[in-house]
Amino acid sequence: MNIVTLLPFIVLIGAMFLMTRSAKKKQQAAAQMRDHMTPGTGVRTIGGMYATVKEIGDDTVTLEVAPGVHAIFAKNSIGAVLDDAEYNRIVHGATDDLTIDTPVVPDDASSLTEKDADETPKLDLGKKDEPKDEPKDDEPKGDEPKDGKADGEPGAK
């Protein structure tokens, strides 16, 4: 066989190897992250819920989702283990060392639409209704069809 005919197969096998290797690394990193959970740490589930770890079992984790409310989750459902500062910032809104450079957006849009006293009125560029000429006696009036037949009548177009 010629090496040129084997080249596509070699490239395909190499690509499959690299893809499975990167997926395996991601799985190992996720398992290592879950192994480093300790009671009291903040976590985010894959569903986006933030909670505090209370107990860790072999395949399950007991999370406190609200004060006094405990739920049992599979270990695989933990999406991220958060450090204390990030967990407090997200859940409790603690912004001790956080500086915000972006402008604050108001909750009510009415403050964005209030007019100043010195603001001049805006021009209305909309289409104005112009008076229509009255039809002559031999022309049909309004929306009447020219052949004199209304919709739904036999022979109407």
C-alpha atoms as a PDB file:
ATOM      1  CA  MET A   1       0.000   0.000   0.000  1.00  0.00           C
ATOM      2  CA  ASN A   2       0.970   3.549  -0.608  1.00  0.00           C
ATOM      3  CA  ILE A   3       1.456   5.878   2.372  1.00  0.00           C
ATOM      4  CA  VAL A   4      -0.715   8.514   0.672  1.00  0.00           C
ATOM      5  CA  THR A   5      -3.732   6.201   0.903  1.00  0.00           C
ATOM      6  CA  LEU A   6      -3.069   5.570   4.613  1.00  0.00           C
ATOM      7  CA  LEU A   7      -2.594   9.265   5.472  1.00  0.00           C
ATOM      8  CA  PRO A   8      -6.341  10.109   5.902  1.00  0.00           C
ATOM      9  CA  PHE A   9      -6.769   7.143   8.267  1.00  0.00           C
ATOM     10  CA  ILE A  10      -3.736   8.187  10.308  1.00  0.00           C
ATOM     11  CA  VAL A  11      -5.031  11.759  10.579  1.00  0.00           C
ATOM     12  CA  LEU A  12      -8.487  10.502  11.623  1.00  0.00           C
ATOM     13  CA  ILE A  13      -7.068   8.237  14.320  1.00  0.00           C
ATOM     14  CA  GLY A  14      -4.844  11.071  15.589  1.00  0.00           C
ATOM     15  CA  ALA A  15      -7.799  13.484  15.797  1.00  0.00           C
ATOM     16  CA  MET A  16      -9.892  10.914  17.691  1.00  0.00           C
ATOM     17  CA  PHE A  17      -7.026  10.349  20.126  1.00  0.00           C
ATOM     18  CA  LEU A  18      -6.632  14.075  20.806  1.00  0.00           C
ATOM     19  CA  MET A  19     -10.378  14.578  21.326  1.00  0.00           C
ATOM     20  CA  THR A  20     -10.726  11.710  23.777  1.00  0.00           C
ATOM     21  CA  ARG A  21      -7.604  12.829  25.623  1.00  0.00           C
ATOM     22  CA  SER A  22      -8.929  16.377  26.142  1.00  0.00           C
ATOM     23  CA  ALA A  23     -12.318  15.058  27.253  1.00  0.00           C
ATOM     24  CA  LYS A  24     -10.625  12.723  29.708  1.00  0.00           C
ATOM     25  CA  LYS A  25      -8.587  15.624  31.123  1.00  0.00           C
ATOM     26  CA  LYS A  26     -11.770  17.656  31.643  1.00  0.00           C
ATOM     27  CA  GLN A  27     -13.427  14.745  33.435  1.00  0.00           C
ATOM     28  CA  GLN A  28     -10.389  14.300  35.686  1.00  0.00           C
ATOM     29  CA  ALA A  29     -10.324  18.016  36.500  1.00  0.00           C
ATOM     30  CA  ALA A  30     -14.035  17.960  37.390  1.00  0.00           C
ATOM     31  CA  ALA A  31     -13.574  14.886  39.590  1.00  0.00           C
ATOM     32  CA  GLN A  32     -10.598  16.507  41.322  1.00  0.00           C
ATOM     33  CA  MET A  33     -12.655  19.670  41.912  1.00  0.00           C
ATOM     34  CA  ARG A  34     -15.462  17.620  43.471  1.00  0.00           C
ATOM     35  CA  ASP A  35     -12.962  15.764  45.670  1.00  0.00           C
ATOM     36  CA  HIS A  36     -11.730  19.064  47.105  1.00  0.00           C
ATOM     37  CA  MET A  37     -15.197  19.964  48.411  1.00  0.00           C
ATOM     38  CA  THR A  38     -15.392  20.293  52.152  1.00  0.00           C
ATOM     39  CA  PRO A  39     -18.396  21.035  54.366  1.00  0.00           C
ATOM     40  CA  GLY A  40     -18.959  24.786  54.486  1.00  0.00           C
ATOM     41  CA  THR A  41     -17.744  25.599  50.986  1.00  0.00           C
ATOM     42  CA  GLY A  42     -19.976  27.320  48.476  1.00  0.00           C
ATOM     43  CA  VAL A  43     -20.847  25.514  45.249  1.00  0.00           C
ATOM     44  CA  ARG A  44     -22.813  26.086  42.052  1.00  0.00           C
ATOM     45  CA  THR A  45     -24.782  23.186  40.619  1.00  0.00           C
ATOM     46  CA  ILE A  46     -24.966  22.472  36.904  1.00  0.00           C
ATOM     47  CA  GLY A  47     -28.497  23.886  37.064  1.00  0.00           C
ATOM     48  CA  GLY A  48     -27.152  27.236  38.305  1.00  0.00           C
ATOM     49  CA  MET A  49     -28.229  26.999  41.953  1.00  0.00           C
ATOM     50  CA  TYR A  50     -25.828  28.317  44.606  1.00  0.00           C
ATOM     51  CA  ALA A  51     -25.656  26.441  47.902  1.00  0.00           C
ATOM     52  CA  THR A  52     -23.399  25.550  50.816  1.00  0.00           C
ATOM     53  CA  VAL A  53     -22.048  22.015  51.275  1.00  0.00           C
ATOM     54  CA  LYS A  54     -23.233  20.398  54.529  1.00  0.00           C
ATOM     55  CA  GLU A  55     -22.330  16.710  54.157  1.00  0.00           C
ATOM     56  CA  ILE A  56     -20.411  14.683  51.597  1.00  0.00           C
ATOM     57  CA  GLY A  57     -21.220  11.034  50.913  1.00  0.00           C
ATOM     58  CA  ASP A  58     -19.774   8.527  48.465  1.00  0.00           C
ATOM     59  CA  ASP A  59     -21.953   9.534  45.502  1.00  0.00           C
ATOM     60  CA  THR A  60     -24.112  12.293  47.004  1.00  0.00           C
ATOM     61  CA  VAL A  61     -23.728  15.730  48.545  1.00  0.00           C
ATOM     62  CA  THR A  62     -26.123  17.380  50.995  1.00  0.00           C
ATOM     63  CA  LEU A  63     -26.463  21.066  50.188  1.00  0.00           C
ATOM     64  CA  GLU A  64     -28.060  23.840  52.210  1.00  0.00           C
ATOM     65  CA  VAL A  65     -29.928  25.841  49.574  1.00  0.00           C
ATOM     66  CA  ALA A  66     -31.506  28.234  52.102  1.00  0.00           C
ATOM     67  CA  PRO A  67     -31.184  28.566  55.869  1.00  0.00           C
ATOM     68  CA  GLY A  68     -32.569  25.307  57.264  1.00  0.00           C
ATOM     69  CA  VAL A  69     -33.404  23.849  53.824  1.00  0.00           C
ATOM     70  CA  HIS A  70     -31.265  20.858  52.854  1.00  0.00           C
ATOM     71  CA  ALA A  71     -31.294  18.987  49.560  1.00  0.00           C
ATOM     72  CA  ILE A  72     -29.415  15.892  48.439  1.00  0.00           C
ATOM     73  CA  PHE A  73     -27.648  16.088  45.078  1.00  0.00           C
ATOM     74  CA  ALA A  74     -25.467  13.711  43.100  1.00  0.00           C
ATOM     75  CA  LYS A  75     -21.791  14.649  43.167  1.00  0.00           C
ATOM     76  CA  ASN A  76     -21.845  14.876  39.386  1.00  0.00           C
ATOM     77  CA  SER A  77     -24.375  17.712  39.602  1.00  0.00           C
ATOM     78  CA  ILE A  78     -21.813  20.070  41.166  1.00  0.00           C
ATOM     79  CA  GLY A  79     -20.670  22.412  38.424  1.00  0.00           C
ATOM     80  CA  ALA A  80     -18.153  24.528  40.336  1.00  0.00           C
ATOM     81  CA  VAL A  81     -16.650  24.823  43.787  1.00  0.00           C
ATOM     82  CA  LEU A  82     -16.399  28.517  44.652  1.00  0.00           C
ATOM     83  CA  ASP A  83     -14.003  30.242  47.000  1.00  0.00           C
ATOM     84  CA  ASP A  84     -15.524  32.117  49.936  1.00  0.00           C
ATOM     85  CA  ALA A  85     -15.109  35.627  48.490  1.00  0.00           C
ATOM     86  CA  GLU A  86     -16.774  34.756  45.192  1.00  0.00           C
ATOM     87  CA  TYR A  87     -19.605  32.850  46.890  1.00  0.00           C
ATOM     88  CA  ASN A  88     -20.330  35.776  49.252  1.00  0.00           C
ATOM     89  CA  ARG A  89     -20.214  38.243  46.363  1.00  0.00           C
ATOM     90  CA  ILE A  90     -22.726  36.244  44.324  1.00  0.00           C
ATOM     91  CA  VAL A  91     -25.100  35.032  47.034  1.00  0.00           C
ATOM     92  CA  HIS A  92     -24.997  37.781  49.639  1.00  0.00           C
ATOM     93  CA  GLY A  93     -24.091  40.703  47.380  1.00  0.00           C
ATOM     94  CA  ALA A  94     -21.010  41.538  49.438  1.00  0.00           C
ATOM     95  CA  THR A  95     -18.973  44.135  47.554  1.00  0.00           C
ATOM     96  CA  ASP A  96     -16.219  44.938  50.067  1.00  0.00           C
ATOM     97  CA  ASP A  97     -13.346  45.079  47.609  1.00  0.00           C
ATOM     98  CA  LEU A  98     -15.401  45.270  44.409  1.00  0.00           C
ATOM     99  CA  THR A  99     -15.351  48.515  42.433  1.00  0.00           C
ATOM    100  CA  ILE A 100     -17.917  49.021  39.709  1.00  0.00           C
ATOM    101  CA  ASP A 101     -16.870  51.143  36.748  1.00  0.00           C
ATOM    102  CA  THR A 102     -20.007  50.646  34.691  1.00  0.00           C
ATOM    103  CA  PRO A 103     -22.897  53.121  34.922  1.00  0.00           C
ATOM    104  CA  VAL A 104     -25.834  52.146  37.082  1.00  0.00           C
ATOM    105  CA  VAL A 105     -28.977  51.269  35.152  1.00  0.00           C
ATOM    106  CA  PRO A 106     -32.164  52.436  36.895  1.00  0.00           C
ATOM    107  CA  ASP A 107     -34.888  49.928  37.749  1.00  0.00           C
ATOM    108  CA  ASP A 108     -37.607  52.219  36.414  1.00  0.00           C
ATOM    109  CA  ALA A 109     -37.449  53.407  32.815  1.00  0.00           C
ATOM    110  CA  SER A 110     -39.446  56.551  33.593  1.00  0.00           C
ATOM    111  CA  SER A 111     -36.288  58.314  34.755  1.00  0.00           C
ATOM    112  CA  LEU A 112     -34.842  57.808  31.298  1.00  0.00           C
ATOM    113  CA  THR A 113     -37.827  59.397  29.544  1.00  0.00           C
ATOM    114  CA  GLU A 114     -38.368  62.485  31.726  1.00  0.00           C
ATOM    115  CA  LYS A 115     -38.087  65.736  29.784  1.00  0.00           C
ATOM    116  CA  ASP A 116     -36.139  68.739  30.992  1.00  0.00           C
ATOM    117  CA  ALA A 117     -37.921  72.071  31.220  1.00  0.00           C
ATOM    118  CA  ASP A 118     -35.633  73.679  28.626  1.00  0.00           C
ATOM    119  CA  GLU A 119     -35.981  70.841  26.126  1.00  0.00           C
ATOM    120  CA  THR A 120     -37.689  71.851  22.916  1.00  0.00           C
ATOM    121  CA  PRO A 121     -40.507  69.693  21.579  1.00  0.00           C
ATOM    122  CA  LYS A 122     -39.498  67.166  18.975  1.00  0.00           C
ATOM    123  CA  LEU A 123     -40.678  67.357  15.405  1.00  0.00           C
ATOM    124  CA  ASP A 124     -43.343  64.875  14.374  1.00  0.00           C
ATOM    125  CA  LEU A 125     -42.076  63.229  11.218  1.00  0.00           C
ATOM    126  CA  GLY A 126     -44.993  60.821  10.934  1.00  0.00           C
ATOM    127  CA  LYS A 127     -47.278  60.670   7.928  1.00  0.00           C
ATOM    128  CA  LYS A 128     -50.235  63.013   8.130  1.00  0.00           C
ATOM    129  CA  ASP A 129     -53.667  62.022   6.892  1.00  0.00           C
ATOM    130  CA  GLU A 130     -54.487  64.190   3.897  1.00  0.00           C
ATOM    131  CA  PRO A 131     -58.115  64.890   2.994  1.00  0.00           C
ATOM    132  CA  LYS A 132     -59.191  62.620   0.167  1.00  0.00           C
ATOM    133  CA  ASP A 133     -60.984  63.960  -2.855  1.00  0.00           C
ATOM    134  CA  GLU A 134     -64.609  62.960  -3.031  1.00  0.00           C
ATOM    135  CA  PRO A 135     -65.212  60.387  -5.786  1.00  0.00           C
ATOM    136  CA  LYS A 136     -67.183  61.471  -8.776  1.00  0.00           C
ATOM    137  CA  ASP A 137     -70.598  60.004  -9.453  1.00  0.00           C
ATOM    138  CA  ASP A 138     -69.319  57.445 -11.987  1.00  0.00           C
ATOM    139  CA  GLU A 139     -66.449  56.236  -9.689  1.00  0.00           C
ATOM    140  CA  PRO A 140     -67.029  53.719  -6.886  1.00  0.00           C
ATOM    141  CA  LYS A 141     -66.973  55.175  -3.352  1.00  0.00           C
ATOM    142  CA  GLY A 142     -64.423  54.140  -0.723  1.00  0.00           C
ATOM    143  CA  ASP A 143     -63.504  50.474  -0.699  1.00  0.00           C
ATOM    144  CA  GLU A 144     -66.259  49.346  -3.035  1.00  0.00           C
ATOM    145  CA  PRO A 145     -64.987  47.188  -5.888  1.00  0.00           C
ATOM    146  CA  LYS A 146     -65.200  48.678  -9.334  1.00  0.00           C
ATOM    147  CA  ASP A 147     -67.346  45.839 -10.649  1.00  0.00           C
ATOM    148  CA  GLY A 148     -69.960  46.405  -7.916  1.00  0.00           C
ATOM    149  CA  LYS A 149     -69.611  42.923  -6.367  1.00  0.00           C
ATOM    150  CA  ALA A 150     -68.556  42.457  -2.761  1.00  0.00           C
ATOM    151  CA  ASP A 151     -66.366  39.677  -1.430  1.00  0.00           C
ATOM    152  CA  GLY A 152     -68.205  36.435  -0.928  1.00  0.00           C
ATOM    153  CA  GLU A 153     -70.760  37.071  -3.670  1.00  0.00           C
ATOM    154  CA  PRO A 154     -70.830  34.720  -6.641  1.00  0.00           C
ATOM    155  CA  GLY A 155     -68.621  35.963  -9.401  1.00  0.00           C
ATOM    156  CA  ALA A 156     -66.527  38.183  -7.113  1.00  0.00           C
ATOM    157  CA  LYS A 157     -62.796  38.247  -7.750  1.00  0.00           C
END
